[in-house]
Amino acid sequence: MLETEIALWKPPEASGVTEDELATLRATPLFKGLSDGDLKRLRKMLHVRHFTPDEVVFRQGQTGAGMYLIQQGEVDIVMRRDDGTEVKLVTLKDRQFFGELALLEEAPRSASCVVRKPSVLLGIFQSDLELLVERSSRLGARVLWNLARLTGVRLRELSASIRVDVAKRALPEEVRS
């Protein structure tokens, strides 16, 4: 399944880097603090894929292969409940990213990603990040450091959300509604 996710992506092009691609990378917190030269080197590693509405980028439970940047478009992150129903967690738009934990480990996806509007996604896979670390330890370390920070931020946000949810459930029924 992991190879399938990667195989559907167009490999990086040897052509130059567009300004829109650089702007997408600049806007991504994962690449915060990188120079334009670093971003151009990194762009050469990114894969591109065009999606149509209702197309699935990845499914919940599928082994994650990498993370994705929305160069243009809109996607929904949805989670399937035990009863089979789905709940939309968030809608992501231009220059947002998702799936970054797959850069650290090949684990099952915790949610699915479904395209809402025609979209162009840039993908970076775990093997790309490993190659970056081998070829440019300084740049690779910077990306990993940013990834660690972002993971911490998202974990704190999730913890805060859980605390609010737990506190609401502790309230009497008539106060919750």
N, C-alpha and C. Protein backbone atom coordinates (compact mmCIF):
# COMPACT_ATOMS: atom_id res chain seq x y z
N MET A 1 0.83 -1.19 0.00
CA MET A 1 0.00 0.00 0.00
C MET A 1 0.87 1.25 0.00
N LEU A 2 1.96 1.25 0.74
CA LEU A 2 2.87 2.39 0.82
C LEU A 2 3.41 2.75 -0.55
N GLU A 3 3.86 1.76 -1.29
CA GLU A 3 4.42 2.00 -2.62
C GLU A 3 3.35 2.55 -3.56
N THR A 4 2.10 2.12 -3.38
CA THR A 4 1.01 2.61 -4.22
C THR A 4 0.83 4.11 -4.05
N GLU A 5 0.86 4.58 -2.80
CA GLU A 5 0.69 6.01 -2.55
C GLU A 5 1.77 6.82 -3.26
N ILE A 6 2.99 6.38 -3.21
CA ILE A 6 4.10 7.10 -3.84
C ILE A 6 4.05 6.97 -5.35
N ALA A 7 3.70 5.79 -5.85
CA ALA A 7 3.74 5.52 -7.29
C ALA A 7 2.82 6.42 -8.10
N LEU A 8 1.77 6.91 -7.51
CA LEU A 8 0.81 7.74 -8.22
C LEU A 8 1.29 9.18 -8.41
N TRP A 9 2.39 9.53 -7.80
CA TRP A 9 2.89 10.90 -7.85
C TRP A 9 3.92 11.09 -8.93
N LYS A 10 3.85 12.21 -9.60
CA LYS A 10 4.81 12.57 -10.65
C LYS A 10 6.13 12.95 -9.98
N PRO A 11 7.24 12.37 -10.44
CA PRO A 11 8.53 12.69 -9.82
C PRO A 11 8.90 14.15 -10.05
N PRO A 12 9.81 14.65 -9.22
CA PRO A 12 10.23 16.05 -9.38
C PRO A 12 10.74 16.31 -10.79
N GLU A 13 10.43 17.49 -11.28
CA GLU A 13 10.87 17.88 -12.62
C GLU A 13 12.27 18.48 -12.58
N ALA A 14 12.99 18.30 -13.65
CA ALA A 14 14.32 18.88 -13.76
C ALA A 14 14.26 20.35 -14.12
N SER A 15 13.06 20.81 -14.52
CA SER A 15 12.91 22.21 -14.90
C SER A 15 13.03 23.13 -13.70
N GLY A 16 13.02 24.41 -13.95
CA GLY A 16 13.17 25.40 -12.89
C GLY A 16 12.00 25.40 -11.92
N VAL A 17 12.20 26.11 -10.84
CA VAL A 17 11.21 26.23 -9.79
C VAL A 17 10.37 27.47 -10.06
N THR A 18 9.04 27.33 -10.02
CA THR A 18 8.19 28.49 -10.27
C THR A 18 8.06 29.34 -9.02
N GLU A 19 7.70 30.60 -9.22
CA GLU A 19 7.51 31.51 -8.08
C GLU A 19 6.37 31.03 -7.19
N ASP A 20 5.31 30.44 -7.80
CA ASP A 20 4.19 29.94 -7.00
C ASP A 20 4.63 28.78 -6.11
N GLU A 21 5.48 27.92 -6.64
CA GLU A 21 6.00 26.81 -5.82
C GLU A 21 6.84 27.35 -4.66
N LEU A 22 7.69 28.33 -4.94
CA LEU A 22 8.49 28.93 -3.88
C LEU A 22 7.60 29.60 -2.83
N ALA A 23 6.56 30.30 -3.29
CA ALA A 23 5.64 30.95 -2.35
C ALA A 23 4.94 29.91 -1.47
N THR A 24 4.58 28.77 -2.05
CA THR A 24 3.96 27.70 -1.28
C THR A 24 4.93 27.19 -0.21
N LEU A 25 6.17 26.97 -0.58
CA LEU A 25 7.16 26.50 0.38
C LEU A 25 7.42 27.55 1.47
N ARG A 26 7.54 28.82 1.07
CA ARG A 26 7.76 29.90 2.05
C ARG A 26 6.63 29.97 3.07
N ALA A 27 5.40 29.69 2.63
CA ALA A 27 4.23 29.80 3.50
C ALA A 27 4.05 28.58 4.41
N THR A 28 4.83 27.56 4.21
CA THR A 28 4.70 26.33 4.98
C THR A 28 5.59 26.38 6.22
N PRO A 29 5.00 26.31 7.42
CA PRO A 29 5.80 26.40 8.65
C PRO A 29 6.93 25.36 8.73
N LEU A 30 6.76 24.24 8.07
CA LEU A 30 7.80 23.21 8.08
C LEU A 30 9.11 23.74 7.49
N PHE A 31 9.02 24.73 6.61
CA PHE A 31 10.21 25.26 5.94
C PHE A 31 10.58 26.66 6.42
N LYS A 32 10.06 27.03 7.58
CA LYS A 32 10.35 28.33 8.18
C LYS A 32 11.86 28.51 8.39
N GLY A 33 12.34 29.68 8.05
CA GLY A 33 13.74 30.00 8.29
C GLY A 33 14.70 29.52 7.22
N LEU A 34 14.18 28.91 6.16
CA LEU A 34 15.05 28.44 5.09
C LEU A 34 15.24 29.55 4.06
N SER A 35 16.43 29.61 3.52
CA SER A 35 16.72 30.60 2.48
C SER A 35 16.05 30.21 1.17
N ASP A 36 15.98 31.16 0.22
CA ASP A 36 15.43 30.83 -1.09
C ASP A 36 16.25 29.74 -1.77
N GLY A 37 17.57 29.76 -1.57
CA GLY A 37 18.43 28.72 -2.13
C GLY A 37 18.08 27.35 -1.56
N ASP A 38 17.84 27.30 -0.23
CA ASP A 38 17.43 26.04 0.41
C ASP A 38 16.08 25.58 -0.13
N LEU A 39 15.16 26.53 -0.29
CA LEU A 39 13.82 26.18 -0.78
C LEU A 39 13.89 25.65 -2.21
N LYS A 40 14.76 26.24 -3.03
CA LYS A 40 14.91 25.75 -4.41
C LYS A 40 15.48 24.34 -4.42
N ARG A 41 16.43 24.06 -3.54
CA ARG A 41 16.99 22.69 -3.43
C ARG A 41 15.90 21.72 -2.99
N LEU A 42 15.12 22.15 -2.02
CA LEU A 42 14.06 21.31 -1.50
C LEU A 42 12.99 21.05 -2.55
N ARG A 43 12.64 22.08 -3.32
CA ARG A 43 11.60 21.94 -4.35
C ARG A 43 11.96 20.87 -5.37
N LYS A 44 13.25 20.74 -5.64
CA LYS A 44 13.68 19.73 -6.60
C LYS A 44 13.36 18.30 -6.13
N MET A 45 13.05 18.15 -4.85
CA MET A 45 12.74 16.83 -4.29
C MET A 45 11.24 16.56 -4.23
N LEU A 46 10.43 17.61 -4.39
CA LEU A 46 8.99 17.46 -4.23
C LEU A 46 8.33 16.84 -5.46
N HIS A 47 7.32 16.04 -5.21
CA HIS A 47 6.53 15.41 -6.26
C HIS A 47 5.24 16.21 -6.44
N VAL A 48 4.67 16.16 -7.64
CA VAL A 48 3.48 16.94 -7.95
C VAL A 48 2.36 16.00 -8.38
N ARG A 49 1.14 16.37 -8.00
CA ARG A 49 -0.01 15.59 -8.48
C ARG A 49 -1.24 16.50 -8.55
N HIS A 50 -1.99 16.37 -9.63
CA HIS A 50 -3.23 17.11 -9.83
C HIS A 50 -4.39 16.21 -9.42
N PHE A 51 -5.33 16.76 -8.68
CA PHE A 51 -6.49 16.00 -8.20
C PHE A 51 -7.78 16.66 -8.65
N THR A 52 -8.81 15.84 -8.82
CA THR A 52 -10.15 16.33 -9.14
C THR A 52 -11.03 16.18 -7.89
N PRO A 53 -12.15 16.91 -7.84
CA PRO A 53 -13.04 16.80 -6.68
C PRO A 53 -13.46 15.35 -6.41
N ASP A 54 -13.55 15.02 -5.13
CA ASP A 54 -13.94 13.71 -4.60
C ASP A 54 -12.85 12.65 -4.73
N GLU A 55 -11.71 13.00 -5.29
CA GLU A 55 -10.61 12.05 -5.36
C GLU A 55 -9.98 11.92 -3.98
N VAL A 56 -9.58 10.71 -3.62
CA VAL A 56 -8.98 10.44 -2.31
C VAL A 56 -7.47 10.54 -2.42
N VAL A 57 -6.86 11.35 -1.54
CA VAL A 57 -5.41 11.47 -1.50
C VAL A 57 -4.85 10.26 -0.74
N PHE A 58 -5.43 9.97 0.41
CA PHE A 58 -5.11 8.76 1.17
C PHE A 58 -6.28 8.42 2.07
N ARG A 59 -6.31 7.14 2.50
CA ARG A 59 -7.41 6.65 3.33
C ARG A 59 -6.94 6.37 4.75
N GLN A 60 -7.87 6.57 5.66
CA GLN A 60 -7.64 6.24 7.06
C GLN A 60 -7.24 4.77 7.16
N GLY A 61 -6.21 4.49 7.94
CA GLY A 61 -5.73 3.12 8.10
C GLY A 61 -4.63 2.74 7.13
N GLN A 62 -4.53 3.45 6.01
CA GLN A 62 -3.47 3.20 5.03
C GLN A 62 -2.13 3.65 5.63
N THR A 63 -1.09 2.92 5.36
CA THR A 63 0.24 3.31 5.85
C THR A 63 0.67 4.61 5.19
N GLY A 64 1.05 5.58 6.02
CA GLY A 64 1.46 6.89 5.51
C GLY A 64 2.81 6.84 4.84
N ALA A 65 2.92 7.58 3.74
CA ALA A 65 4.18 7.62 3.00
C ALA A 65 4.85 8.99 3.05
N GLY A 66 4.04 10.02 3.24
CA GLY A 66 4.62 11.36 3.23
C GLY A 66 3.62 12.42 3.58
N MET A 67 4.06 13.67 3.46
CA MET A 67 3.19 14.82 3.74
C MET A 67 2.92 15.58 2.46
N TYR A 68 1.90 16.42 2.50
CA TYR A 68 1.45 17.11 1.31
C TYR A 68 1.23 18.59 1.57
N LEU A 69 1.59 19.40 0.58
CA LEU A 69 1.38 20.84 0.61
C LEU A 69 0.34 21.17 -0.45
N ILE A 70 -0.61 22.00 -0.12
CA ILE A 70 -1.63 22.39 -1.09
C ILE A 70 -1.11 23.62 -1.82
N GLN A 71 -0.65 23.42 -3.04
CA GLN A 71 -0.20 24.55 -3.84
C GLN A 71 -1.42 25.36 -4.27
N GLN A 72 -2.48 24.62 -4.60
CA GLN A 72 -3.72 25.26 -5.03
C GLN A 72 -4.83 24.26 -4.83
N GLY A 73 -5.95 24.70 -4.28
CA GLY A 73 -7.09 23.81 -4.13
C GLY A 73 -7.63 23.76 -2.72
N GLU A 74 -8.35 22.67 -2.44
CA GLU A 74 -9.01 22.53 -1.16
C GLU A 74 -9.27 21.04 -0.89
N VAL A 75 -8.97 20.61 0.33
CA VAL A 75 -9.18 19.21 0.72
C VAL A 75 -9.87 19.14 2.08
N ASP A 76 -10.58 18.05 2.31
CA ASP A 76 -11.17 17.77 3.62
C ASP A 76 -10.40 16.63 4.27
N ILE A 77 -10.17 16.77 5.56
CA ILE A 77 -9.62 15.69 6.36
C ILE A 77 -10.82 15.11 7.11
N VAL A 78 -11.10 13.83 6.87
CA VAL A 78 -12.27 13.18 7.45
C VAL A 78 -11.87 11.92 8.22
N MET A 79 -12.60 11.66 9.30
CA MET A 79 -12.33 10.49 10.12
C MET A 79 -13.56 9.59 10.14
N ARG A 80 -13.31 8.31 9.92
CA ARG A 80 -14.38 7.31 9.97
C ARG A 80 -14.53 6.84 11.41
N ARG A 81 -15.75 6.91 11.91
CA ARG A 81 -16.04 6.44 13.27
C ARG A 81 -16.22 4.93 13.26
N ASP A 82 -16.25 4.35 14.45
CA ASP A 82 -16.44 2.91 14.57
C ASP A 82 -17.77 2.45 13.98
N ASP A 83 -18.79 3.32 13.99
CA ASP A 83 -20.09 2.94 13.44
C ASP A 83 -20.17 3.10 11.92
N GLY A 84 -19.05 3.50 11.28
CA GLY A 84 -19.00 3.62 9.84
C GLY A 84 -19.30 5.01 9.31
N THR A 85 -19.82 5.89 10.15
CA THR A 85 -20.09 7.26 9.71
C THR A 85 -18.77 8.04 9.65
N GLU A 86 -18.79 9.11 8.87
CA GLU A 86 -17.60 9.94 8.75
C GLU A 86 -17.87 11.33 9.30
N VAL A 87 -16.85 11.93 9.90
CA VAL A 87 -16.95 13.29 10.40
C VAL A 87 -15.80 14.11 9.79
N LYS A 88 -16.15 15.29 9.28
CA LYS A 88 -15.13 16.17 8.71
C LYS A 88 -14.41 16.85 9.87
N LEU A 89 -13.10 16.71 9.91
CA LEU A 89 -12.31 17.33 10.96
C LEU A 89 -11.92 18.76 10.60
N VAL A 90 -11.54 18.96 9.34
CA VAL A 90 -11.08 20.28 8.91
C VAL A 90 -11.05 20.34 7.39
N THR A 91 -11.21 21.54 6.86
CA THR A 91 -11.00 21.80 5.45
C THR A 91 -9.72 22.61 5.33
N LEU A 92 -8.82 22.17 4.47
CA LEU A 92 -7.54 22.85 4.27
C LEU A 92 -7.51 23.46 2.88
N LYS A 93 -6.85 24.62 2.76
CA LYS A 93 -6.83 25.35 1.49
C LYS A 93 -5.40 25.68 1.08
N ASP A 94 -5.30 26.50 0.03
CA ASP A 94 -4.01 26.90 -0.53
C ASP A 94 -2.95 27.14 0.54
N ARG A 95 -1.80 26.54 0.30
CA ARG A 95 -0.58 26.74 1.08
C ARG A 95 -0.64 26.18 2.50
N GLN A 96 -1.62 25.30 2.76
CA GLN A 96 -1.63 24.58 4.02
C GLN A 96 -1.04 23.19 3.76
N PHE A 97 -0.75 22.46 4.82
CA PHE A 97 -0.12 21.15 4.68
C PHE A 97 -0.77 20.16 5.62
N PHE A 98 -0.52 18.87 5.35
CA PHE A 98 -1.09 17.80 6.17
C PHE A 98 -0.29 16.52 5.97
N GLY A 99 -0.45 15.58 6.90
CA GLY A 99 0.19 14.27 6.78
C GLY A 99 1.64 14.23 7.20
N GLU A 100 2.10 15.26 7.91
CA GLU A 100 3.53 15.38 8.23
C GLU A 100 4.09 14.28 9.12
N LEU A 101 3.26 13.63 9.93
CA LEU A 101 3.78 12.56 10.79
C LEU A 101 4.31 11.38 9.98
N ALA A 102 3.83 11.23 8.76
CA ALA A 102 4.32 10.14 7.91
C ALA A 102 5.78 10.34 7.51
N LEU A 103 6.31 11.55 7.69
CA LEU A 103 7.73 11.77 7.44
C LEU A 103 8.59 11.11 8.51
N LEU A 104 7.99 10.86 9.67
CA LEU A 104 8.74 10.30 10.79
C LEU A 104 8.58 8.80 10.95
N GLU A 105 7.43 8.27 10.56
CA GLU A 105 7.21 6.83 10.72
C GLU A 105 6.18 6.33 9.73
N GLU A 106 6.30 5.09 9.37
CA GLU A 106 5.34 4.45 8.48
C GLU A 106 4.25 3.82 9.34
N ALA A 107 3.27 4.65 9.72
CA ALA A 107 2.18 4.21 10.57
C ALA A 107 0.86 4.42 9.84
N PRO A 108 -0.20 3.75 10.29
CA PRO A 108 -1.50 3.94 9.64
C PRO A 108 -1.98 5.38 9.77
N ARG A 109 -2.59 5.90 8.71
CA ARG A 109 -3.16 7.24 8.73
C ARG A 109 -4.32 7.27 9.72
N SER A 110 -4.43 8.35 10.48
CA SER A 110 -5.49 8.48 11.48
C SER A 110 -6.78 9.03 10.88
N ALA A 111 -6.72 9.50 9.64
CA ALA A 111 -7.89 10.04 8.95
C ALA A 111 -7.67 9.91 7.45
N SER A 112 -8.72 10.21 6.69
CA SER A 112 -8.63 10.21 5.23
C SER A 112 -8.56 11.64 4.73
N CYS A 113 -8.08 11.80 3.51
CA CYS A 113 -8.04 13.11 2.86
C CYS A 113 -8.77 13.00 1.53
N VAL A 114 -9.80 13.84 1.37
CA VAL A 114 -10.61 13.85 0.16
C VAL A 114 -10.58 15.24 -0.45
N VAL A 115 -10.36 15.31 -1.74
CA VAL A 115 -10.26 16.60 -2.45
C VAL A 115 -11.66 17.19 -2.63
N ARG A 116 -11.80 18.50 -2.32
CA ARG A 116 -13.08 19.22 -2.47
C ARG A 116 -13.16 19.97 -3.79
N LYS A 117 -12.05 20.62 -4.15
CA LYS A 117 -11.99 21.43 -5.38
C LYS A 117 -10.77 20.96 -6.17
N PRO A 118 -10.74 21.22 -7.48
CA PRO A 118 -9.54 20.84 -8.24
C PRO A 118 -8.30 21.35 -7.50
N SER A 119 -7.32 20.48 -7.34
CA SER A 119 -6.17 20.79 -6.49
C SER A 119 -4.86 20.33 -7.11
N VAL A 120 -3.81 21.08 -6.78
CA VAL A 120 -2.45 20.70 -7.10
C VAL A 120 -1.73 20.54 -5.77
N LEU A 121 -1.26 19.33 -5.51
CA LEU A 121 -0.55 19.05 -4.26
C LEU A 121 0.91 18.77 -4.55
N LEU A 122 1.76 19.21 -3.64
CA LEU A 122 3.18 18.87 -3.66
C LEU A 122 3.40 17.85 -2.56
N GLY A 123 4.08 16.76 -2.87
CA GLY A 123 4.32 15.72 -1.88
C GLY A 123 5.80 15.56 -1.58
N ILE A 124 6.08 15.35 -0.32
CA ILE A 124 7.44 14.98 0.08
C ILE A 124 7.30 13.70 0.89
N PHE A 125 8.09 12.72 0.52
CA PHE A 125 7.97 11.40 1.13
C PHE A 125 9.13 11.14 2.08
N GLN A 126 8.92 10.17 2.96
CA GLN A 126 9.93 9.85 3.97
C GLN A 126 11.29 9.57 3.32
N SER A 127 11.29 8.87 2.22
CA SER A 127 12.56 8.56 1.54
C SER A 127 13.23 9.84 1.02
N ASP A 128 12.42 10.85 0.61
CA ASP A 128 12.98 12.14 0.18
C ASP A 128 13.66 12.85 1.35
N LEU A 129 13.00 12.84 2.50
CA LEU A 129 13.57 13.49 3.68
C LEU A 129 14.86 12.78 4.12
N GLU A 130 14.86 11.47 4.06
CA GLU A 130 16.08 10.72 4.42
C GLU A 130 17.22 11.07 3.48
N LEU A 131 16.93 11.18 2.20
CA LEU A 131 17.94 11.57 1.22
C LEU A 131 18.44 12.99 1.48
N LEU A 132 17.55 13.90 1.82
CA LEU A 132 17.92 15.27 2.14
C LEU A 132 18.87 15.29 3.33
N VAL A 133 18.59 14.52 4.36
CA VAL A 133 19.45 14.47 5.54
C VAL A 133 20.83 13.93 5.17
N GLU A 134 20.87 12.93 4.30
CA GLU A 134 22.15 12.37 3.86
C GLU A 134 22.97 13.37 3.03
N ARG A 135 22.30 14.08 2.11
CA ARG A 135 23.00 14.96 1.19
C ARG A 135 23.32 16.33 1.79
N SER A 136 22.46 16.82 2.65
CA SER A 136 22.67 18.14 3.26
C SER A 136 22.20 18.08 4.71
N SER A 137 23.10 17.66 5.58
CA SER A 137 22.72 17.45 6.97
C SER A 137 22.19 18.74 7.62
N ARG A 138 22.74 19.90 7.26
CA ARG A 138 22.29 21.16 7.84
C ARG A 138 20.84 21.44 7.46
N LEU A 139 20.53 21.34 6.18
CA LEU A 139 19.18 21.59 5.69
C LEU A 139 18.21 20.52 6.22
N GLY A 140 18.61 19.27 6.18
CA GLY A 140 17.78 18.19 6.70
C GLY A 140 17.48 18.36 8.18
N ALA A 141 18.50 18.76 8.94
CA ALA A 141 18.31 18.97 10.38
C ALA A 141 17.34 20.12 10.63
N ARG A 142 17.42 21.18 9.83
CA ARG A 142 16.52 22.32 10.00
C ARG A 142 15.07 21.90 9.75
N VAL A 143 14.86 21.12 8.70
CA VAL A 143 13.51 20.64 8.39
C VAL A 143 13.00 19.73 9.52
N LEU A 144 13.85 18.83 10.00
CA LEU A 144 13.45 17.94 11.09
C LEU A 144 13.15 18.72 12.37
N TRP A 145 13.96 19.74 12.65
CA TRP A 145 13.76 20.56 13.83
C TRP A 145 12.39 21.27 13.73
N ASN A 146 12.09 21.83 12.56
CA ASN A 146 10.79 22.48 12.36
C ASN A 146 9.66 21.47 12.49
N LEU A 147 9.86 20.27 11.99
CA LEU A 147 8.85 19.22 12.09
C LEU A 147 8.59 18.88 13.56
N ALA A 148 9.65 18.79 14.35
CA ALA A 148 9.50 18.51 15.79
C ALA A 148 8.70 19.63 16.47
N ARG A 149 9.00 20.88 16.14
CA ARG A 149 8.26 22.00 16.73
C ARG A 149 6.78 21.96 16.35
N LEU A 150 6.51 21.74 15.06
CA LEU A 150 5.12 21.69 14.61
C LEU A 150 4.35 20.54 15.25
N THR A 151 5.00 19.42 15.41
CA THR A 151 4.36 18.28 16.05
C THR A 151 4.01 18.63 17.49
N GLY A 152 4.91 19.31 18.17
CA GLY A 152 4.66 19.76 19.54
C GLY A 152 3.48 20.72 19.62
N VAL A 153 3.43 21.68 18.70
CA VAL A 153 2.33 22.65 18.66
C VAL A 153 1.01 21.94 18.45
N ARG A 154 0.98 21.05 17.46
CA ARG A 154 -0.27 20.35 17.17
C ARG A 154 -0.69 19.43 18.31
N LEU A 155 0.26 18.84 19.01
CA LEU A 155 -0.06 18.00 20.16
C LEU A 155 -0.64 18.83 21.30
N ARG A 156 -0.07 20.02 21.54
CA ARG A 156 -0.62 20.90 22.58
C ARG A 156 -2.03 21.35 22.21
N GLU A 157 -2.27 21.68 20.94
CA GLU A 157 -3.61 22.08 20.49
C GLU A 157 -4.61 20.94 20.68
N LEU A 158 -4.19 19.73 20.35
CA LEU A 158 -5.07 18.57 20.54
C LEU A 158 -5.36 18.36 22.02
N SER A 159 -4.36 18.47 22.86
CA SER A 159 -4.55 18.31 24.31
C SER A 159 -5.52 19.35 24.84
N ALA A 160 -5.40 20.60 24.40
CA ALA A 160 -6.31 21.65 24.84
C ALA A 160 -7.74 21.34 24.40
N SER A 161 -7.89 20.86 23.18
CA SER A 161 -9.20 20.51 22.67
C SER A 161 -9.82 19.37 23.48
N ILE A 162 -9.02 18.39 23.83
CA ILE A 162 -9.52 17.27 24.63
C ILE A 162 -9.93 17.75 26.02
N ARG A 163 -9.12 18.65 26.61
CA ARG A 163 -9.46 19.19 27.93
C ARG A 163 -10.82 19.90 27.89
N VAL A 164 -11.06 20.71 26.85
CA VAL A 164 -12.33 21.41 26.71
C VAL A 164 -13.47 20.40 26.58
N ASP A 165 -13.28 19.37 25.76
CA ASP A 165 -14.30 18.36 25.55
C ASP A 165 -14.61 17.61 26.85
N VAL A 166 -13.58 17.25 27.59
CA VAL A 166 -13.76 16.55 28.86
C VAL A 166 -14.49 17.44 29.86
N ALA A 167 -14.11 18.72 29.88
CA ALA A 167 -14.78 19.66 30.80
C ALA A 167 -16.25 19.81 30.45
N LYS A 168 -16.58 19.86 29.16
CA LYS A 168 -17.98 19.97 28.74
C LYS A 168 -18.78 18.75 29.17
N ARG A 169 -18.17 17.58 29.03
CA ARG A 169 -18.88 16.34 29.41
C ARG A 169 -19.10 16.26 30.91
N ALA A 170 -18.27 16.94 31.69
CA ALA A 170 -18.41 16.92 33.14
C ALA A 170 -19.56 17.80 33.60
N LEU A 171 -20.03 18.71 32.74
CA LEU A 171 -21.14 19.60 33.09
C LEU A 171 -22.45 18.83 33.07
N PRO A 172 -23.42 19.28 33.86
CA PRO A 172 -24.74 18.66 33.80
C PRO A 172 -25.34 18.82 32.41
N GLU A 173 -26.19 17.89 32.00
CA GLU A 173 -26.79 17.86 30.66
C GLU A 173 -27.46 19.19 30.30
N GLU A 174 -28.21 19.78 31.22
CA GLU A 174 -28.94 21.01 30.91
C GLU A 174 -28.01 22.20 30.67
N VAL A 175 -26.80 22.17 31.20
CA VAL A 175 -25.83 23.26 30.99
C VAL A 175 -25.12 23.08 29.66
N ARG A 176 -24.91 21.84 29.22
CA ARG A 176 -24.19 21.56 27.96
C ARG A 176 -24.95 22.03 26.73
N SER A 177 -26.27 22.00 26.77
CA SER A 177 -27.04 22.34 25.56
C SER A 177 -27.27 23.80 25.36
